[in-house]
Amino acid sequence: MAEVYPGVEVRKELGEHETLLGIDKARQVLGYEPQHSWRNHVDR
């Protein structure tokens, strides 16, 4: 990330499958939980 976005603060450790965009706020404020995972729809 630092190579592509220099100067951007990293606020937490990013796991192997984490993105830079999260749904944490939607979970906290709205109680949102995804019904499907992209992992179930991608051929490996």
PDB file of N, CA and C in Angstrom:
ATOM      1  N   MET A   1       0.816  -1.176   0.000  1.00  0.00           N
ATOM      2  CA  MET A   1       0.000   0.000   0.000  1.00  0.00           C
ATOM      3  C   MET A   1       0.866   1.249   0.000  1.00  0.00           C
ATOM      4  N   ALA A   2       1.916   1.222   0.769  1.00  0.00           N
ATOM      5  CA  ALA A   2       2.781   2.404   0.880  1.00  0.00           C
ATOM      6  C   ALA A   2       3.385   2.788  -0.468  1.00  0.00           C
ATOM      7  N   GLU A   3       3.631   1.803  -1.313  1.00  0.00           N
ATOM      8  CA  GLU A   3       4.202   2.078  -2.631  1.00  0.00           C
ATOM      9  C   GLU A   3       3.212   2.820  -3.522  1.00  0.00           C
ATOM     10  N   VAL A   4       1.958   2.438  -3.458  1.00  0.00           N
ATOM     11  CA  VAL A   4       0.925   3.031  -4.325  1.00  0.00           C
ATOM     12  C   VAL A   4       0.313   4.279  -3.706  1.00  0.00           C
ATOM     13  N   TYR A   5       0.173   4.288  -2.384  1.00  0.00           N
ATOM     14  CA  TYR A   5      -0.453   5.400  -1.664  1.00  0.00           C
ATOM     15  C   TYR A   5       0.489   5.950  -0.596  1.00  0.00           C
ATOM     16  N   PRO A   6       1.587   6.549  -0.985  1.00  0.00           N
ATOM     17  CA  PRO A   6       2.521   7.063   0.015  1.00  0.00           C
ATOM     18  C   PRO A   6       1.871   8.178   0.848  1.00  0.00           C
ATOM     19  N   GLY A   7       2.169   8.185   2.116  1.00  0.00           N
ATOM     20  CA  GLY A   7       1.644   9.228   2.990  1.00  0.00           C
ATOM     21  C   GLY A   7       0.289   8.920   3.582  1.00  0.00           C
ATOM     22  N   VAL A   8      -0.359   7.821   3.153  1.00  0.00           N
ATOM     23  CA  VAL A   8      -1.661   7.459   3.718  1.00  0.00           C
ATOM     24  C   VAL A   8      -1.433   6.682   5.006  1.00  0.00           C
ATOM     25  N   GLU A   9      -2.107   7.099   6.061  1.00  0.00           N
ATOM     26  CA  GLU A   9      -1.962   6.465   7.372  1.00  0.00           C
ATOM     27  C   GLU A   9      -2.600   5.075   7.374  1.00  0.00           C
ATOM     28  N   VAL A  10      -1.849   4.093   7.827  1.00  0.00           N
ATOM     29  CA  VAL A  10      -2.382   2.743   8.014  1.00  0.00           C
ATOM     30  C   VAL A  10      -2.809   2.648   9.462  1.00  0.00           C
ATOM     31  N   ARG A  11      -4.096   2.450   9.695  1.00  0.00           N
ATOM     32  CA  ARG A  11      -4.635   2.474  11.056  1.00  0.00           C
ATOM     33  C   ARG A  11      -4.681   1.111  11.718  1.00  0.00           C
ATOM     34  N   LYS A  12      -4.601   0.048  10.928  1.00  0.00           N
ATOM     35  CA  LYS A  12      -4.585  -1.291  11.503  1.00  0.00           C
ATOM     36  C   LYS A  12      -3.865  -2.227  10.545  1.00  0.00           C
ATOM     37  N   GLU A  13      -3.453  -3.354  11.059  1.00  0.00           N
ATOM     38  CA  GLU A  13      -2.791  -4.364  10.251  1.00  0.00           C
ATOM     39  C   GLU A  13      -3.787  -4.919   9.239  1.00  0.00           C
ATOM     40  N   LEU A  14      -3.359  -5.044   7.997  1.00  0.00           N
ATOM     41  CA  LEU A  14      -4.236  -5.567   6.952  1.00  0.00           C
ATOM     42  C   LEU A  14      -3.940  -7.043   6.743  1.00  0.00           C
ATOM     43  N   GLY A  15      -4.984  -7.850   6.807  1.00  0.00           N
ATOM     44  CA  GLY A  15      -4.832  -9.286   6.591  1.00  0.00           C
ATOM     45  C   GLY A  15      -4.718  -9.602   5.107  1.00  0.00           C
ATOM     46  N   GLU A  16      -4.532 -10.853   4.811  1.00  0.00           N
ATOM     47  CA  GLU A  16      -4.324 -11.301   3.436  1.00  0.00           C
ATOM     48  C   GLU A  16      -5.488 -10.949   2.514  1.00  0.00           C
ATOM     49  N   HIS A  17      -6.716 -11.038   3.001  1.00  0.00           N
ATOM     50  CA  HIS A  17      -7.897 -10.806   2.162  1.00  0.00           C
ATOM     51  C   HIS A  17      -8.620  -9.503   2.490  1.00  0.00           C
ATOM     52  N   GLU A  18      -8.017  -8.630   3.282  1.00  0.00           N
ATOM     53  CA  GLU A  18      -8.667  -7.363   3.628  1.00  0.00           C
ATOM     54  C   GLU A  18      -8.475  -6.341   2.519  1.00  0.00           C
ATOM     55  N   THR A  19      -9.388  -5.409   2.449  1.00  0.00           N
ATOM     56  CA  THR A  19      -9.305  -4.329   1.481  1.00  0.00           C
ATOM     57  C   THR A  19      -9.064  -3.018   2.209  1.00  0.00           C
ATOM     58  N   LEU A  20      -8.841  -1.979   1.448  1.00  0.00           N
ATOM     59  CA  LEU A  20      -8.666  -0.659   2.048  1.00  0.00           C
ATOM     60  C   LEU A  20     -10.009  -0.023   2.394  1.00  0.00           C
ATOM     61  N   LEU A  21     -11.075  -0.578   1.879  1.00  0.00           N
ATOM     62  CA  LEU A  21     -12.425  -0.116   2.195  1.00  0.00           C
ATOM     63  C   LEU A  21     -13.095  -1.172   3.051  1.00  0.00           C
ATOM     64  N   GLY A  22     -13.777  -0.746   4.085  1.00  0.00           N
ATOM     65  CA  GLY A  22     -14.405  -1.704   4.973  1.00  0.00           C
ATOM     66  C   GLY A  22     -15.860  -1.384   5.227  1.00  0.00           C
ATOM     67  N   ILE A  23     -16.554  -2.339   5.821  1.00  0.00           N
ATOM     68  CA  ILE A  23     -17.964  -2.154   6.160  1.00  0.00           C
ATOM     69  C   ILE A  23     -18.162  -2.024   7.668  1.00  0.00           C
ATOM     70  N   ASP A  24     -17.078  -1.733   8.365  1.00  0.00           N
ATOM     71  CA  ASP A  24     -17.150  -1.633   9.827  1.00  0.00           C
ATOM     72  C   ASP A  24     -18.189  -0.625  10.298  1.00  0.00           C
ATOM     73  N   LYS A  25     -18.247   0.527   9.656  1.00  0.00           N
ATOM     74  CA  LYS A  25     -19.203   1.569  10.063  1.00  0.00           C
ATOM     75  C   LYS A  25     -20.641   1.106   9.822  1.00  0.00           C
ATOM     76  N   ALA A  26     -20.895   0.446   8.703  1.00  0.00           N
ATOM     77  CA  ALA A  26     -22.236  -0.071   8.420  1.00  0.00           C
ATOM     78  C   ALA A  26     -22.635  -1.129   9.441  1.00  0.00           C
ATOM     79  N   ARG A  27     -21.685  -1.941   9.843  1.00  0.00           N
ATOM     80  CA  ARG A  27     -21.973  -2.939  10.883  1.00  0.00           C
ATOM     81  C   ARG A  27     -22.318  -2.250  12.200  1.00  0.00           C
ATOM     82  N   GLN A  28     -21.522  -1.261  12.556  1.00  0.00           N
ATOM     83  CA  GLN A  28     -21.688  -0.576  13.838  1.00  0.00           C
ATOM     84  C   GLN A  28     -22.969   0.246  13.878  1.00  0.00           C
ATOM     85  N   VAL A  29     -23.210   1.054  12.870  1.00  0.00           N
ATOM     86  CA  VAL A  29     -24.338   1.987  12.887  1.00  0.00           C
ATOM     87  C   VAL A  29     -25.653   1.330  12.488  1.00  0.00           C
ATOM     88  N   LEU A  30     -25.601   0.480  11.455  1.00  0.00           N
ATOM     89  CA  LEU A  30     -26.827  -0.083  10.902  1.00  0.00           C
ATOM     90  C   LEU A  30     -27.086  -1.536  11.296  1.00  0.00           C
ATOM     91  N   GLY A  31     -26.084  -2.171  11.915  1.00  0.00           N
ATOM     92  CA  GLY A  31     -26.236  -3.585  12.237  1.00  0.00           C
ATOM     93  C   GLY A  31     -26.148  -4.472  11.000  1.00  0.00           C
ATOM     94  N   TYR A  32     -25.520  -3.958   9.945  1.00  0.00           N
ATOM     95  CA  TYR A  32     -25.432  -4.682   8.681  1.00  0.00           C
ATOM     96  C   TYR A  32     -24.510  -5.888   8.788  1.00  0.00           C
ATOM     97  N   GLU A  33     -24.934  -6.996   8.238  1.00  0.00           N
ATOM     98  CA  GLU A  33     -24.100  -8.177   8.067  1.00  0.00           C
ATOM     99  C   GLU A  33     -24.343  -8.715   6.667  1.00  0.00           C
ATOM    100  N   PRO A  34     -23.285  -8.942   5.905  1.00  0.00           N
ATOM    101  CA  PRO A  34     -23.434  -9.445   4.540  1.00  0.00           C
ATOM    102  C   PRO A  34     -24.131 -10.805   4.517  1.00  0.00           C
ATOM    103  N   GLN A  35     -24.934 -11.032   3.519  1.00  0.00           N
ATOM    104  CA  GLN A  35     -25.617 -12.303   3.346  1.00  0.00           C
ATOM    105  C   GLN A  35     -24.815 -13.263   2.475  1.00  0.00           C
ATOM    106  N   HIS A  36     -23.862 -12.733   1.704  1.00  0.00           N
ATOM    107  CA  HIS A  36     -23.073 -13.544   0.783  1.00  0.00           C
ATOM    108  C   HIS A  36     -21.610 -13.130   0.873  1.00  0.00           C
ATOM    109  N   SER A  37     -20.726 -14.031   0.539  1.00  0.00           N
ATOM    110  CA  SER A  37     -19.304 -13.751   0.495  1.00  0.00           C
ATOM    111  C   SER A  37     -18.803 -13.914  -0.930  1.00  0.00           C
ATOM    112  N   TRP A  38     -17.942 -13.023  -1.353  1.00  0.00           N
ATOM    113  CA  TRP A  38     -17.371 -13.146  -2.695  1.00  0.00           C
ATOM    114  C   TRP A  38     -16.593 -14.442  -2.838  1.00  0.00           C
ATOM    115  N   ARG A  39     -16.084 -14.968  -1.739  1.00  0.00           N
ATOM    116  CA  ARG A  39     -15.296 -16.207  -1.801  1.00  0.00           C
ATOM    117  C   ARG A  39     -16.127 -17.400  -2.263  1.00  0.00           C
ATOM    118  N   ASN A  40     -17.445 -17.327  -2.050  1.00  0.00           N
ATOM    119  CA  ASN A  40     -18.327 -18.414  -2.484  1.00  0.00           C
ATOM    120  C   ASN A  40     -18.629 -18.344  -3.976  1.00  0.00           C
ATOM    121  N   HIS A  41     -18.229 -17.277  -4.645  1.00  0.00           N
ATOM    122  CA  HIS A  41     -18.586 -17.081  -6.044  1.00  0.00           C
ATOM    123  C   HIS A  41     -17.378 -16.987  -6.968  1.00  0.00           C
ATOM    124  N   VAL A  42     -16.195 -17.263  -6.449  1.00  0.00           N
ATOM    125  CA  VAL A  42     -14.966 -17.177  -7.249  1.00  0.00           C
ATOM    126  C   VAL A  42     -14.386 -18.576  -7.405  1.00  0.00           C
ATOM    127  N   ASP A  43     -14.101 -18.951  -8.635  1.00  0.00           N
ATOM    128  CA  ASP A  43     -13.451 -20.241  -8.875  1.00  0.00           C
ATOM    129  C   ASP A  43     -12.018 -20.186  -8.407  1.00  0.00           C
ATOM    130  N   ARG A  44     -11.586 -21.221  -7.780  1.00  0.00           N
ATOM    131  CA  ARG A  44     -10.206 -21.261  -7.273  1.00  0.00           C
ATOM    132  C   ARG A  44      -9.373 -22.183  -8.085  1.00  0.00           C
TER     133      ARG A  44
END
